[in-house]
Amino acid sequence: MSQSFDIAVIGATGTVGETLVQILEERDFPVANLYLLASSESAGHSVPFRGKNVRVREVDEFDFSKVQLVFFAAGPAVTLSFAPRATAAGCAVIDLSGALPAAQAPQVVPEANGQVLAGLKKPVQLSSPSASATVLAVVLAPLRGLLDIQRVTLTASLAVSSQGREAVKELARQTAELLNVRPLEPRFFDRQMAFNLLAQVGTPDAQGHTLLEKRLVKELREVLAEPSLKISVTCIQAPVFFGDSFSVTLQSTAAVDLAKVNAALGVAPGIELVEAGDYPTAVGDAVGQDVVYVGRVRTSVDDPAELNLWLTSDNVRKGAALNAVQLAELLIKDLL
């Protein structure tokens, strides 16, 4: 492509931000000038890009008129503070925080609802869903024409990297403490994380649901254009650094044709179907890869209209950073 674009990445020193920059280079995205932005605490660091170390600047001082596209890979507060400035300067915005309302910045997963971009006007604002919603959308999209899905029930075993770099450091510290038979004092997590499972990710509301669980339900309904789809979610924290895994049950109105399901999953973009008798794992398969792995495809023991699946993917790469870059690749065709 002959045209190139000036781009900013906010949150460039975080796990998702760094991976996003890496993927821009790997996919040879047409970047003219790359501006890496973060808080004052992270300003001054550098991130490698195309053989050079790009210095991270403070976002507060940045002039958004210098760029055509901005990735927001920091928290919701950062997006709410700076997205209006970026839009006012005429920049396209891709937000990964979930902070922007759907009417303003639709949730998009290219494999599931990329056609949404056709109706947008400049300057475009898009939301890249949470990693869990992205993964589920990639897998459910090719099944919509085969199954009349009435309910989705899932248990999401999330890697600690879903909570950022500090959570990764904390799991490493706790693991080292326990392996060296030293007393363990939890810091980032409220209890032992290493060699353990925590029954929730975040603080539950009065009804017992966490913000992440509610966000997943909302985003998945939007991406699939199924506002009344019944979705039951439990997010648990697993002692894994990178790579989310999901046990998924789909309730249909009629008996499931497994041959057709496997055929659809086998040719769907963004999916790697693992043959019967084997199954994928986060560490052994998904980490560092650009697809969602699907295995253990089967119907229920006593209900032929119930489909059970096992999914795993790299939460930072496939679930977050890659989806955002794929959205940018769609944008540069018509909307930048």
C-alpha atoms as a PDB file:
ATOM      1  CA  MET A   1       0.000   0.000   0.000  1.00  0.00           C
ATOM      2  CA  SER A   2       1.472   3.351  -1.037  1.00  0.00           C
ATOM      3  CA  GLN A   3      -0.307   5.528   1.527  1.00  0.00           C
ATOM      4  CA  SER A   4       0.966   5.562   5.102  1.00  0.00           C
ATOM      5  CA  PHE A   5      -0.469   6.996   8.296  1.00  0.00           C
ATOM      6  CA  ASP A   6       0.698   8.771  11.416  1.00  0.00           C
ATOM      7  CA  ILE A   7      -0.466   6.789  14.443  1.00  0.00           C
ATOM      8  CA  ALA A   8      -0.488   7.168  18.219  1.00  0.00           C
ATOM      9  CA  VAL A   9      -0.713   4.371  20.784  1.00  0.00           C
ATOM     10  CA  ILE A  10      -1.839   5.405  24.278  1.00  0.00           C
ATOM     11  CA  GLY A  11      -0.862   2.933  26.978  1.00  0.00           C
ATOM     12  CA  ALA A  12       2.196   1.924  24.998  1.00  0.00           C
ATOM     13  CA  THR A  13       4.098   0.540  28.005  1.00  0.00           C
ATOM     14  CA  GLY A  14       1.333  -1.837  29.095  1.00  0.00           C
ATOM     15  CA  THR A  15       1.106  -5.480  28.080  1.00  0.00           C
ATOM     16  CA  VAL A  16      -1.532  -4.816  25.417  1.00  0.00           C
ATOM     17  CA  GLY A  17       0.091  -1.609  24.171  1.00  0.00           C
ATOM     18  CA  GLU A  18       3.489  -3.220  23.680  1.00  0.00           C
ATOM     19  CA  THR A  19       1.923  -6.190  21.887  1.00  0.00           C
ATOM     20  CA  LEU A  20      -0.098  -3.846  19.677  1.00  0.00           C
ATOM     21  CA  VAL A  21       3.095  -2.090  18.561  1.00  0.00           C
ATOM     22  CA  GLN A  22       4.694  -5.467  17.882  1.00  0.00           C
ATOM     23  CA  ILE A  23       1.755  -6.572  15.726  1.00  0.00           C
ATOM     24  CA  LEU A  24       1.796  -3.309  13.752  1.00  0.00           C
ATOM     25  CA  GLU A  25       5.371  -4.187  12.796  1.00  0.00           C
ATOM     26  CA  GLU A  26       4.695  -7.877  12.130  1.00  0.00           C
ATOM     27  CA  ARG A  27       1.762  -7.142   9.822  1.00  0.00           C
ATOM     28  CA  ASP A  28       3.654  -4.350   8.051  1.00  0.00           C
ATOM     29  CA  PHE A  29       0.955  -1.826   8.860  1.00  0.00           C
ATOM     30  CA  PRO A  30       1.544   1.369   6.806  1.00  0.00           C
ATOM     31  CA  VAL A  31       2.899   3.530   9.629  1.00  0.00           C
ATOM     32  CA  ALA A  32       4.616   6.768   8.681  1.00  0.00           C
ATOM     33  CA  ASN A  33       5.253   8.192  12.156  1.00  0.00           C
ATOM     34  CA  LEU A  34       4.510   6.285  15.364  1.00  0.00           C
ATOM     35  CA  TYR A  35       3.889   8.190  18.593  1.00  0.00           C
ATOM     36  CA  LEU A  36       3.930   6.162  21.800  1.00  0.00           C
ATOM     37  CA  LEU A  37       2.107   7.787  24.703  1.00  0.00           C
ATOM     38  CA  ALA A  38       1.585   6.971  28.364  1.00  0.00           C
ATOM     39  CA  SER A  39       1.303   8.542  31.802  1.00  0.00           C
ATOM     40  CA  SER A  40       4.005  10.747  33.262  1.00  0.00           C
ATOM     41  CA  GLU A  41       5.286   7.734  35.262  1.00  0.00           C
ATOM     42  CA  SER A  42       6.007   5.792  32.065  1.00  0.00           C
ATOM     43  CA  ALA A  43       7.193   8.672  29.882  1.00  0.00           C
ATOM     44  CA  GLY A  44      10.840   8.336  28.946  1.00  0.00           C
ATOM     45  CA  HIS A  45      10.769   4.582  28.464  1.00  0.00           C
ATOM     46  CA  SER A  46      11.245   3.201  24.966  1.00  0.00           C
ATOM     47  CA  VAL A  47       9.574   0.464  22.914  1.00  0.00           C
ATOM     48  CA  PRO A  48      11.216  -1.244  19.902  1.00  0.00           C
ATOM     49  CA  PHE A  49       9.645  -0.697  16.476  1.00  0.00           C
ATOM     50  CA  ARG A  50      11.205  -1.483  13.091  1.00  0.00           C
ATOM     51  CA  GLY A  51      14.729  -1.703  14.386  1.00  0.00           C
ATOM     52  CA  LYS A  52      14.594   1.461  16.475  1.00  0.00           C
ATOM     53  CA  ASN A  53      13.683   2.302  20.053  1.00  0.00           C
ATOM     54  CA  VAL A  54      10.744   4.716  20.064  1.00  0.00           C
ATOM     55  CA  ARG A  55      10.634   6.976  23.109  1.00  0.00           C
ATOM     56  CA  VAL A  56       7.389   7.080  25.069  1.00  0.00           C
ATOM     57  CA  ARG A  57       5.963  10.567  25.537  1.00  0.00           C
ATOM     58  CA  GLU A  58       3.532  11.943  28.073  1.00  0.00           C
ATOM     59  CA  VAL A  59      -0.027  11.855  26.751  1.00  0.00           C
ATOM     60  CA  ASP A  60      -1.037  15.081  28.523  1.00  0.00           C
ATOM     61  CA  GLU A  61       1.229  17.121  26.271  1.00  0.00           C
ATOM     62  CA  PHE A  62       0.411  15.459  22.940  1.00  0.00           C
ATOM     63  CA  ASP A  63      -1.015  17.343  19.952  1.00  0.00           C
ATOM     64  CA  PHE A  64      -3.506  14.945  18.346  1.00  0.00           C
ATOM     65  CA  SER A  65      -3.542  16.926  15.109  1.00  0.00           C
ATOM     66  CA  LYS A  66      -0.242  15.180  14.306  1.00  0.00           C
ATOM     67  CA  VAL A  67      -1.922  11.805  13.722  1.00  0.00           C
ATOM     68  CA  GLN A  68      -4.800  10.251  11.799  1.00  0.00           C
ATOM     69  CA  LEU A  69      -5.421   7.259  14.096  1.00  0.00           C
ATOM     70  CA  VAL A  70      -5.183   6.719  17.854  1.00  0.00           C
ATOM     71  CA  PHE A  71      -5.277   3.397  19.719  1.00  0.00           C
ATOM     72  CA  PHE A  72      -6.431   3.684  23.330  1.00  0.00           C
ATOM     73  CA  ALA A  73      -4.865   0.745  25.172  1.00  0.00           C
ATOM     74  CA  ALA A  74      -5.037   2.207  28.678  1.00  0.00           C
ATOM     75  CA  GLY A  75      -7.890   2.317  31.199  1.00  0.00           C
ATOM     76  CA  PRO A  76     -11.390   3.790  30.814  1.00  0.00           C
ATOM     77  CA  ALA A  77     -10.467   7.036  32.578  1.00  0.00           C
ATOM     78  CA  VAL A  78      -7.726   7.712  30.026  1.00  0.00           C
ATOM     79  CA  THR A  79     -10.098   7.111  27.119  1.00  0.00           C
ATOM     80  CA  LEU A  80     -12.762   9.384  28.587  1.00  0.00           C
ATOM     81  CA  SER A  81     -10.173  12.117  29.149  1.00  0.00           C
ATOM     82  CA  PHE A  82      -8.431  12.064  25.767  1.00  0.00           C
ATOM     83  CA  ALA A  83     -10.761  10.506  23.181  1.00  0.00           C
ATOM     84  CA  PRO A  84     -12.766  13.750  22.843  1.00  0.00           C
ATOM     85  CA  ARG A  85      -9.532  15.633  22.146  1.00  0.00           C
ATOM     86  CA  ALA A  86      -8.482  13.088  19.532  1.00  0.00           C
ATOM     87  CA  THR A  87     -11.869  13.185  17.811  1.00  0.00           C
ATOM     88  CA  ALA A  88     -11.945  16.986  17.847  1.00  0.00           C
ATOM     89  CA  ALA A  89      -8.597  16.897  16.033  1.00  0.00           C
ATOM     90  CA  GLY A  90     -10.116  14.675  13.332  1.00  0.00           C
ATOM     91  CA  CYS A  91      -8.472  11.423  14.447  1.00  0.00           C
ATOM     92  CA  ALA A  92     -10.006   7.984  14.105  1.00  0.00           C
ATOM     93  CA  VAL A  93     -10.194   6.288  17.510  1.00  0.00           C
ATOM     94  CA  ILE A  94      -9.956   2.591  18.378  1.00  0.00           C
ATOM     95  CA  ASP A  95     -10.648   2.045  22.065  1.00  0.00           C
ATOM     96  CA  LEU A  96      -9.854  -1.149  23.972  1.00  0.00           C
ATOM     97  CA  SER A  97     -11.102  -0.019  27.394  1.00  0.00           C
ATOM     98  CA  GLY A  98     -14.860  -0.339  26.933  1.00  0.00           C
ATOM     99  CA  ALA A  99     -15.355   3.248  28.086  1.00  0.00           C
ATOM    100  CA  LEU A 100     -17.217   4.653  25.072  1.00  0.00           C
ATOM    101  CA  PRO A 101     -20.975   4.099  24.569  1.00  0.00           C
ATOM    102  CA  ALA A 102     -22.033   1.766  21.782  1.00  0.00           C
ATOM    103  CA  ALA A 103     -23.949   4.477  19.930  1.00  0.00           C
ATOM    104  CA  GLN A 104     -20.732   6.479  19.719  1.00  0.00           C
ATOM    105  CA  ALA A 105     -18.167   3.719  19.205  1.00  0.00           C
ATOM    106  CA  PRO A 106     -19.655   0.351  18.126  1.00  0.00           C
ATOM    107  CA  GLN A 107     -18.066  -2.867  19.337  1.00  0.00           C
ATOM    108  CA  VAL A 108     -16.514  -4.647  16.352  1.00  0.00           C
ATOM    109  CA  VAL A 109     -14.838  -8.009  15.800  1.00  0.00           C
ATOM    110  CA  PRO A 110     -13.864  -8.307  12.109  1.00  0.00           C
ATOM    111  CA  GLU A 111     -14.657 -12.027  11.897  1.00  0.00           C
ATOM    112  CA  ALA A 112     -18.147 -11.447  13.320  1.00  0.00           C
ATOM    113  CA  ASN A 113     -19.504  -7.996  12.385  1.00  0.00           C
ATOM    114  CA  GLY A 114     -16.958  -6.161  10.273  1.00  0.00           C
ATOM    115  CA  GLN A 115     -19.788  -4.943   8.040  1.00  0.00           C
ATOM    116  CA  VAL A 116     -20.683  -2.398  10.751  1.00  0.00           C
ATOM    117  CA  LEU A 117     -17.935  -0.123   9.457  1.00  0.00           C
ATOM    118  CA  ALA A 118     -19.789   0.473   6.194  1.00  0.00           C
ATOM    119  CA  GLY A 119     -22.267   2.814   7.857  1.00  0.00           C
ATOM    120  CA  LEU A 120     -19.821   4.956   9.823  1.00  0.00           C
ATOM    121  CA  LYS A 121     -18.784   8.526   9.195  1.00  0.00           C
ATOM    122  CA  LYS A 122     -15.507  10.307   9.815  1.00  0.00           C
ATOM    123  CA  PRO A 123     -13.908  10.755  12.271  1.00  0.00           C
ATOM    124  CA  VAL A 124     -14.596   7.141  13.149  1.00  0.00           C
ATOM    125  CA  GLN A 125     -14.735   5.828  16.703  1.00  0.00           C
ATOM    126  CA  LEU A 126     -14.629   2.068  17.272  1.00  0.00           C
ATOM    127  CA  SER A 127     -14.468  -0.157  20.333  1.00  0.00           C
ATOM    128  CA  SER A 128     -12.473  -3.366  20.383  1.00  0.00           C
ATOM    129  CA  PRO A 129     -14.323  -5.605  22.877  1.00  0.00           C
ATOM    130  CA  SER A 130     -12.854  -7.276  25.934  1.00  0.00           C
ATOM    131  CA  ALA A 131     -10.617 -10.226  25.113  1.00  0.00           C
ATOM    132  CA  SER A 132     -13.254 -12.713  26.290  1.00  0.00           C
ATOM    133  CA  ALA A 133     -16.046 -11.177  24.199  1.00  0.00           C
ATOM    134  CA  THR A 134     -13.772 -11.098  21.147  1.00  0.00           C
ATOM    135  CA  VAL A 135     -12.916 -14.782  21.452  1.00  0.00           C
ATOM    136  CA  LEU A 136     -16.542 -15.823  21.963  1.00  0.00           C
ATOM    137  CA  ALA A 137     -17.686 -13.700  19.005  1.00  0.00           C
ATOM    138  CA  VAL A 138     -15.099 -15.252  16.688  1.00  0.00           C
ATOM    139  CA  VAL A 139     -16.367 -18.747  17.523  1.00  0.00           C
ATOM    140  CA  LEU A 140     -20.110 -18.051  17.696  1.00  0.00           C
ATOM    141  CA  ALA A 141     -20.245 -16.060  14.451  1.00  0.00           C
ATOM    142  CA  PRO A 142     -19.880 -19.059  12.092  1.00  0.00           C
ATOM    143  CA  LEU A 143     -22.437 -21.045  14.124  1.00  0.00           C
ATOM    144  CA  ARG A 144     -25.256 -18.493  13.879  1.00  0.00           C
ATOM    145  CA  GLY A 145     -26.504 -19.899  10.588  1.00  0.00           C
ATOM    146  CA  LEU A 146     -26.459 -23.487  11.886  1.00  0.00           C
ATOM    147  CA  LEU A 147     -27.916 -23.176  15.376  1.00  0.00           C
ATOM    148  CA  ASP A 148     -30.839 -21.288  16.813  1.00  0.00           C
ATOM    149  CA  ILE A 149     -28.885 -20.362  19.942  1.00  0.00           C
ATOM    150  CA  GLN A 150     -31.159 -19.675  22.895  1.00  0.00           C
ATOM    151  CA  ARG A 151     -28.614 -19.516  25.691  1.00  0.00           C
ATOM    152  CA  VAL A 152     -24.848 -19.282  26.134  1.00  0.00           C
ATOM    153  CA  THR A 153     -23.339 -20.565  29.383  1.00  0.00           C
ATOM    154  CA  LEU A 154     -19.640 -20.175  29.939  1.00  0.00           C
ATOM    155  CA  THR A 155     -16.922 -20.374  32.520  1.00  0.00           C
ATOM    156  CA  ALA A 156     -13.963 -18.173  31.598  1.00  0.00           C
ATOM    157  CA  SER A 157     -10.631 -19.117  33.171  1.00  0.00           C
ATOM    158  CA  LEU A 158      -8.683 -15.896  32.742  1.00  0.00           C
ATOM    159  CA  ALA A 159      -4.934 -15.381  32.779  1.00  0.00           C
ATOM    160  CA  VAL A 160      -3.590 -12.851  35.280  1.00  0.00           C
ATOM    161  CA  SER A 161      -2.348 -10.690  32.399  1.00  0.00           C
ATOM    162  CA  SER A 162      -6.000  -9.683  31.954  1.00  0.00           C
ATOM    163  CA  GLN A 163      -5.317  -7.410  34.937  1.00  0.00           C
ATOM    164  CA  GLY A 164      -2.065  -5.964  33.637  1.00  0.00           C
ATOM    165  CA  ARG A 165       1.646  -6.152  34.210  1.00  0.00           C
ATOM    166  CA  GLU A 166       1.446  -5.853  37.997  1.00  0.00           C
ATOM    167  CA  ALA A 167      -0.711  -8.975  38.180  1.00  0.00           C
ATOM    168  CA  VAL A 168       1.836 -10.885  36.082  1.00  0.00           C
ATOM    169  CA  LYS A 169       4.629  -9.782  38.429  1.00  0.00           C
ATOM    170  CA  GLU A 170       2.571 -10.779  41.446  1.00  0.00           C
ATOM    171  CA  LEU A 171       1.951 -14.313  40.164  1.00  0.00           C
ATOM    172  CA  ALA A 172       5.670 -14.686  39.444  1.00  0.00           C
ATOM    173  CA  ARG A 173       6.572 -13.408  42.924  1.00  0.00           C
ATOM    174  CA  GLN A 174       4.084 -15.666  44.681  1.00  0.00           C
ATOM    175  CA  THR A 175       5.257 -18.690  42.685  1.00  0.00           C
ATOM    176  CA  ALA A 176       8.878 -18.016  43.609  1.00  0.00           C
ATOM    177  CA  GLU A 177       8.000 -17.538  47.280  1.00  0.00           C
ATOM    178  CA  LEU A 178       6.114 -20.828  47.485  1.00  0.00           C
ATOM    179  CA  LEU A 179       8.701 -22.837  45.549  1.00  0.00           C
ATOM    180  CA  ASN A 180      11.388 -21.549  47.911  1.00  0.00           C
ATOM    181  CA  VAL A 181       9.243 -22.417  50.952  1.00  0.00           C
ATOM    182  CA  ARG A 182       9.003 -18.822  52.076  1.00  0.00           C
ATOM    183  CA  PRO A 183       5.998 -17.200  53.785  1.00  0.00           C
ATOM    184  CA  LEU A 184       3.543 -15.770  51.285  1.00  0.00           C
ATOM    185  CA  GLU A 185       2.075 -12.297  51.689  1.00  0.00           C
ATOM    186  CA  PRO A 186      -0.491 -11.517  48.952  1.00  0.00           C
ATOM    187  CA  ARG A 187      -0.200  -7.993  47.511  1.00  0.00           C
ATOM    188  CA  PHE A 188      -1.947  -7.395  44.193  1.00  0.00           C
ATOM    189  CA  PHE A 189      -4.502 -10.166  44.788  1.00  0.00           C
ATOM    190  CA  ASP A 190      -6.380 -10.431  48.062  1.00  0.00           C
ATOM    191  CA  ARG A 191      -5.224 -14.015  48.632  1.00  0.00           C
ATOM    192  CA  GLN A 192      -2.865 -16.659  47.252  1.00  0.00           C
ATOM    193  CA  MET A 193      -2.964 -16.694  43.439  1.00  0.00           C
ATOM    194  CA  ALA A 194      -0.135 -19.107  42.677  1.00  0.00           C
ATOM    195  CA  PHE A 195      -1.267 -22.754  42.421  1.00  0.00           C
ATOM    196  CA  ASN A 196      -4.813 -21.620  43.134  1.00  0.00           C
ATOM    197  CA  LEU A 197      -8.088 -20.611  41.462  1.00  0.00           C
ATOM    198  CA  LEU A 198      -9.972 -17.479  42.477  1.00  0.00           C
ATOM    199  CA  ALA A 199     -13.744 -17.589  42.027  1.00  0.00           C
ATOM    200  CA  GLN A 200     -14.091 -14.029  40.744  1.00  0.00           C
ATOM    201  CA  VAL A 201     -12.153 -11.425  38.769  1.00  0.00           C
ATOM    202  CA  GLY A 202     -12.906  -8.032  40.275  1.00  0.00           C
ATOM    203  CA  THR A 203     -15.437  -6.911  42.860  1.00  0.00           C
ATOM    204  CA  PRO A 204     -19.024  -8.184  42.511  1.00  0.00           C
ATOM    205  CA  ASP A 205     -22.068  -5.922  42.608  1.00  0.00           C
ATOM    206  CA  ALA A 206     -25.092  -6.399  44.869  1.00  0.00           C
ATOM    207  CA  GLN A 207     -26.329  -9.206  42.592  1.00  0.00           C
ATOM    208  CA  GLY A 208     -22.957 -10.994  42.684  1.00  0.00           C
ATOM    209  CA  HIS A 209     -21.798 -10.126  39.152  1.00  0.00           C
ATOM    210  CA  THR A 210     -18.445  -8.481  38.419  1.00  0.00           C
ATOM    211  CA  LEU A 211     -17.899  -5.608  36.015  1.00  0.00           C
ATOM    212  CA  LEU A 212     -15.971  -7.875  33.634  1.00  0.00           C
ATOM    213  CA  GLU A 213     -18.800 -10.417  33.539  1.00  0.00           C
ATOM    214  CA  LYS A 214     -21.384  -7.741  32.794  1.00  0.00           C
ATOM    215  CA  ARG A 215     -19.140  -6.178  30.162  1.00  0.00           C
ATOM    216  CA  LEU A 216     -18.702  -9.541  28.428  1.00  0.00           C
ATOM    217  CA  VAL A 217     -22.472 -10.081  28.247  1.00  0.00           C
ATOM    218  CA  LYS A 218     -23.129  -6.597  26.915  1.00  0.00           C
ATOM    219  CA  GLU A 219     -20.376  -6.685  24.297  1.00  0.00           C
ATOM    220  CA  LEU A 220     -21.141 -10.175  23.026  1.00  0.00           C
ATOM    221  CA  ARG A 221     -24.808  -9.302  22.519  1.00  0.00           C
ATOM    222  CA  GLU A 222     -23.814  -6.197  20.596  1.00  0.00           C
ATOM    223  CA  VAL A 223     -21.265  -7.859  18.337  1.00  0.00           C
ATOM    224  CA  LEU A 224     -23.643 -10.714  17.501  1.00  0.00           C
ATOM    225  CA  ALA A 225     -26.591  -8.291  17.112  1.00  0.00           C
ATOM    226  CA  GLU A 226     -28.567 -10.445  19.559  1.00  0.00           C
ATOM    227  CA  PRO A 227     -29.734  -8.020  22.268  1.00  0.00           C
ATOM    228  CA  SER A 228     -32.006 -10.578  23.963  1.00  0.00           C
ATOM    229  CA  LEU A 229     -29.583 -13.532  23.889  1.00  0.00           C
ATOM    230  CA  LYS A 230     -29.435 -15.195  27.305  1.00  0.00           C
ATOM    231  CA  ILE A 231     -25.834 -15.352  28.511  1.00  0.00           C
ATOM    232  CA  SER A 232     -24.630 -16.757  31.816  1.00  0.00           C
ATOM    233  CA  VAL A 233     -20.996 -15.972  32.665  1.00  0.00           C
ATOM    234  CA  THR A 234     -18.606 -16.891  35.448  1.00  0.00           C
ATOM    235  CA  CYS A 235     -15.101 -15.417  35.211  1.00  0.00           C
ATOM    236  CA  ILE A 236     -12.474 -17.055  37.397  1.00  0.00           C
ATOM    237  CA  GLN A 237      -8.827 -16.112  37.866  1.00  0.00           C
ATOM    238  CA  ALA A 238      -6.446 -18.894  36.867  1.00  0.00           C
ATOM    239  CA  PRO A 239      -2.752 -19.118  37.877  1.00  0.00           C
ATOM    240  CA  VAL A 240      -1.657 -18.656  34.259  1.00  0.00           C
ATOM    241  CA  PHE A 241       0.406 -15.732  32.979  1.00  0.00           C
ATOM    242  CA  PHE A 242      -1.017 -15.513  29.434  1.00  0.00           C
ATOM    243  CA  GLY A 243      -3.831 -17.332  27.647  1.00  0.00           C
ATOM    244  CA  ASP A 244      -7.530 -17.543  28.512  1.00  0.00           C
ATOM    245  CA  SER A 245      -9.545 -20.773  28.400  1.00  0.00           C
ATOM    246  CA  PHE A 246     -13.320 -21.193  28.171  1.00  0.00           C
ATOM    247  CA  SER A 247     -15.798 -23.963  28.783  1.00  0.00           C
ATOM    248  CA  VAL A 248     -18.816 -23.031  26.637  1.00  0.00           C
ATOM    249  CA  THR A 249     -22.300 -24.514  26.376  1.00  0.00           C
ATOM    250  CA  LEU A 250     -24.723 -23.443  23.636  1.00  0.00           C
ATOM    251  CA  GLN A 251     -28.384 -24.344  23.985  1.00  0.00           C
ATOM    252  CA  SER A 252     -30.179 -24.647  20.664  1.00  0.00           C
ATOM    253  CA  THR A 253     -33.831 -25.318  19.841  1.00  0.00           C
ATOM    254  CA  ALA A 254     -33.099 -28.391  17.721  1.00  0.00           C
ATOM    255  CA  ALA A 255     -30.662 -31.285  17.652  1.00  0.00           C
ATOM    256  CA  VAL A 256     -27.115 -30.228  16.794  1.00  0.00           C
ATOM    257  CA  ASP A 257     -25.523 -31.622  13.632  1.00  0.00           C
ATOM    258  CA  LEU A 258     -21.924 -32.097  14.784  1.00  0.00           C
ATOM    259  CA  ALA A 259     -20.621 -32.722  11.278  1.00  0.00           C
ATOM    260  CA  LYS A 260     -21.938 -29.358  10.102  1.00  0.00           C
ATOM    261  CA  VAL A 261     -20.648 -27.610  13.227  1.00  0.00           C
ATOM    262  CA  ASN A 262     -17.156 -29.017  12.733  1.00  0.00           C
ATOM    263  CA  ALA A 263     -17.230 -28.135   9.042  1.00  0.00           C
ATOM    264  CA  ALA A 264     -18.217 -24.530   9.796  1.00  0.00           C
ATOM    265  CA  LEU A 265     -15.585 -24.123  12.509  1.00  0.00           C
ATOM    266  CA  GLY A 266     -12.938 -25.745  10.332  1.00  0.00           C
ATOM    267  CA  VAL A 267     -13.162 -23.081   7.612  1.00  0.00           C
ATOM    268  CA  ALA A 268     -14.035 -20.033   9.723  1.00  0.00           C
ATOM    269  CA  PRO A 269     -11.482 -17.191   9.828  1.00  0.00           C
ATOM    270  CA  GLY A 270      -9.602 -16.764  13.086  1.00  0.00           C
ATOM    271  CA  ILE A 271     -10.246 -20.341  14.291  1.00  0.00           C
ATOM    272  CA  GLU A 272      -8.050 -23.426  14.551  1.00  0.00           C
ATOM    273  CA  LEU A 273     -10.178 -26.533  15.057  1.00  0.00           C
ATOM    274  CA  VAL A 274      -8.429 -29.313  16.976  1.00  0.00           C
ATOM    275  CA  GLU A 275      -9.346 -32.814  15.857  1.00  0.00           C
ATOM    276  CA  ALA A 276     -11.473 -35.078  18.019  1.00  0.00           C
ATOM    277  CA  GLY A 277      -9.508 -36.983  20.643  1.00  0.00           C
ATOM    278  CA  ASP A 278      -7.150 -34.060  21.255  1.00  0.00           C
ATOM    279  CA  TYR A 279      -7.636 -30.674  22.889  1.00  0.00           C
ATOM    280  CA  PRO A 280      -5.794 -27.333  22.946  1.00  0.00           C
ATOM    281  CA  THR A 281      -4.231 -25.614  25.953  1.00  0.00           C
ATOM    282  CA  ALA A 282      -3.296 -22.009  26.556  1.00  0.00           C
ATOM    283  CA  VAL A 283       0.386 -22.671  27.233  1.00  0.00           C
ATOM    284  CA  GLY A 284       0.909 -25.430  24.692  1.00  0.00           C
ATOM    285  CA  ASP A 285      -1.030 -23.935  21.801  1.00  0.00           C
ATOM    286  CA  ALA A 286      -2.558 -20.487  22.121  1.00  0.00           C
ATOM    287  CA  VAL A 287       0.101 -18.189  23.560  1.00  0.00           C
ATOM    288  CA  GLY A 288       1.736 -16.135  20.825  1.00  0.00           C
ATOM    289  CA  GLN A 289      -0.765 -17.249  18.173  1.00  0.00           C
ATOM    290  CA  ASP A 290      -3.307 -15.263  16.148  1.00  0.00           C
ATOM    291  CA  VAL A 291      -6.231 -17.699  16.288  1.00  0.00           C
ATOM    292  CA  VAL A 292      -8.768 -19.088  18.723  1.00  0.00           C
ATOM    293  CA  TYR A 293      -8.284 -22.808  19.306  1.00  0.00           C
ATOM    294  CA  VAL A 294     -11.462 -24.893  19.541  1.00  0.00           C
ATOM    295  CA  GLY A 295     -11.617 -28.458  20.838  1.00  0.00           C
ATOM    296  CA  ARG A 296     -13.833 -31.020  22.589  1.00  0.00           C
ATOM    297  CA  VAL A 297     -16.745 -30.283  20.265  1.00  0.00           C
ATOM    298  CA  ARG A 298     -19.592 -32.484  21.455  1.00  0.00           C
ATOM    299  CA  THR A 299     -23.262 -32.597  22.338  1.00  0.00           C
ATOM    300  CA  SER A 300     -24.521 -33.052  25.874  1.00  0.00           C
ATOM    301  CA  VAL A 301     -24.733 -36.484  27.434  1.00  0.00           C
ATOM    302  CA  ASP A 302     -28.537 -36.279  27.556  1.00  0.00           C
ATOM    303  CA  ASP A 303     -29.543 -33.318  25.357  1.00  0.00           C
ATOM    304  CA  PRO A 304     -28.818 -33.464  21.599  1.00  0.00           C
ATOM    305  CA  ALA A 305     -29.728 -29.747  21.307  1.00  0.00           C
ATOM    306  CA  GLU A 306     -26.875 -28.730  23.637  1.00  0.00           C
ATOM    307  CA  LEU A 307     -23.412 -28.110  22.175  1.00  0.00           C
ATOM    308  CA  ASN A 308     -20.294 -28.105  24.370  1.00  0.00           C
ATOM    309  CA  LEU A 309     -16.998 -26.496  23.339  1.00  0.00           C
ATOM    310  CA  TRP A 310     -13.560 -25.842  24.776  1.00  0.00           C
ATOM    311  CA  LEU A 311     -11.787 -22.662  23.630  1.00  0.00           C
ATOM    312  CA  THR A 312      -8.419 -21.144  24.342  1.00  0.00           C
ATOM    313  CA  SER A 313      -6.597 -18.099  22.993  1.00  0.00           C
ATOM    314  CA  ASP A 314      -3.867 -15.576  23.774  1.00  0.00           C
ATOM    315  CA  ASN A 315      -5.822 -12.909  25.652  1.00  0.00           C
ATOM    316  CA  VAL A 316      -3.308 -10.114  25.126  1.00  0.00           C
ATOM    317  CA  ARG A 317      -2.523 -10.890  21.503  1.00  0.00           C
ATOM    318  CA  LYS A 318      -5.597 -12.385  19.793  1.00  0.00           C
ATOM    319  CA  GLY A 319      -8.196 -11.149  22.235  1.00  0.00           C
ATOM    320  CA  ALA A 320      -7.008  -7.552  22.475  1.00  0.00           C
ATOM    321  CA  ALA A 321      -4.097  -6.214  20.408  1.00  0.00           C
ATOM    322  CA  LEU A 322      -4.657  -8.153  17.183  1.00  0.00           C
ATOM    323  CA  ASN A 323      -8.357  -7.369  17.057  1.00  0.00           C
ATOM    324  CA  ALA A 324      -7.577  -3.657  17.382  1.00  0.00           C
ATOM    325  CA  VAL A 325      -5.006  -3.807  14.573  1.00  0.00           C
ATOM    326  CA  GLN A 326      -7.429  -5.736  12.359  1.00  0.00           C
ATOM    327  CA  LEU A 327      -9.964  -2.955  12.910  1.00  0.00           C
ATOM    328  CA  ALA A 328      -7.344  -0.434  11.834  1.00  0.00           C
ATOM    329  CA  GLU A 329      -6.658  -2.489   8.699  1.00  0.00           C
ATOM    330  CA  LEU A 330     -10.349  -2.256   7.822  1.00  0.00           C
ATOM    331  CA  LEU A 331     -10.369   1.471   8.524  1.00  0.00           C
ATOM    332  CA  ILE A 332      -7.494   2.364   6.216  1.00  0.00           C
ATOM    333  CA  LYS A 333      -9.322   0.907   3.234  1.00  0.00           C
ATOM    334  CA  ASP A 334     -12.139   3.437   3.250  1.00  0.00           C
ATOM    335  CA  LEU A 335     -12.379   5.540   6.392  1.00  0.00           C
ATOM    336  CA  LEU A 336      -8.974   7.169   6.918  1.00  0.00           C
END
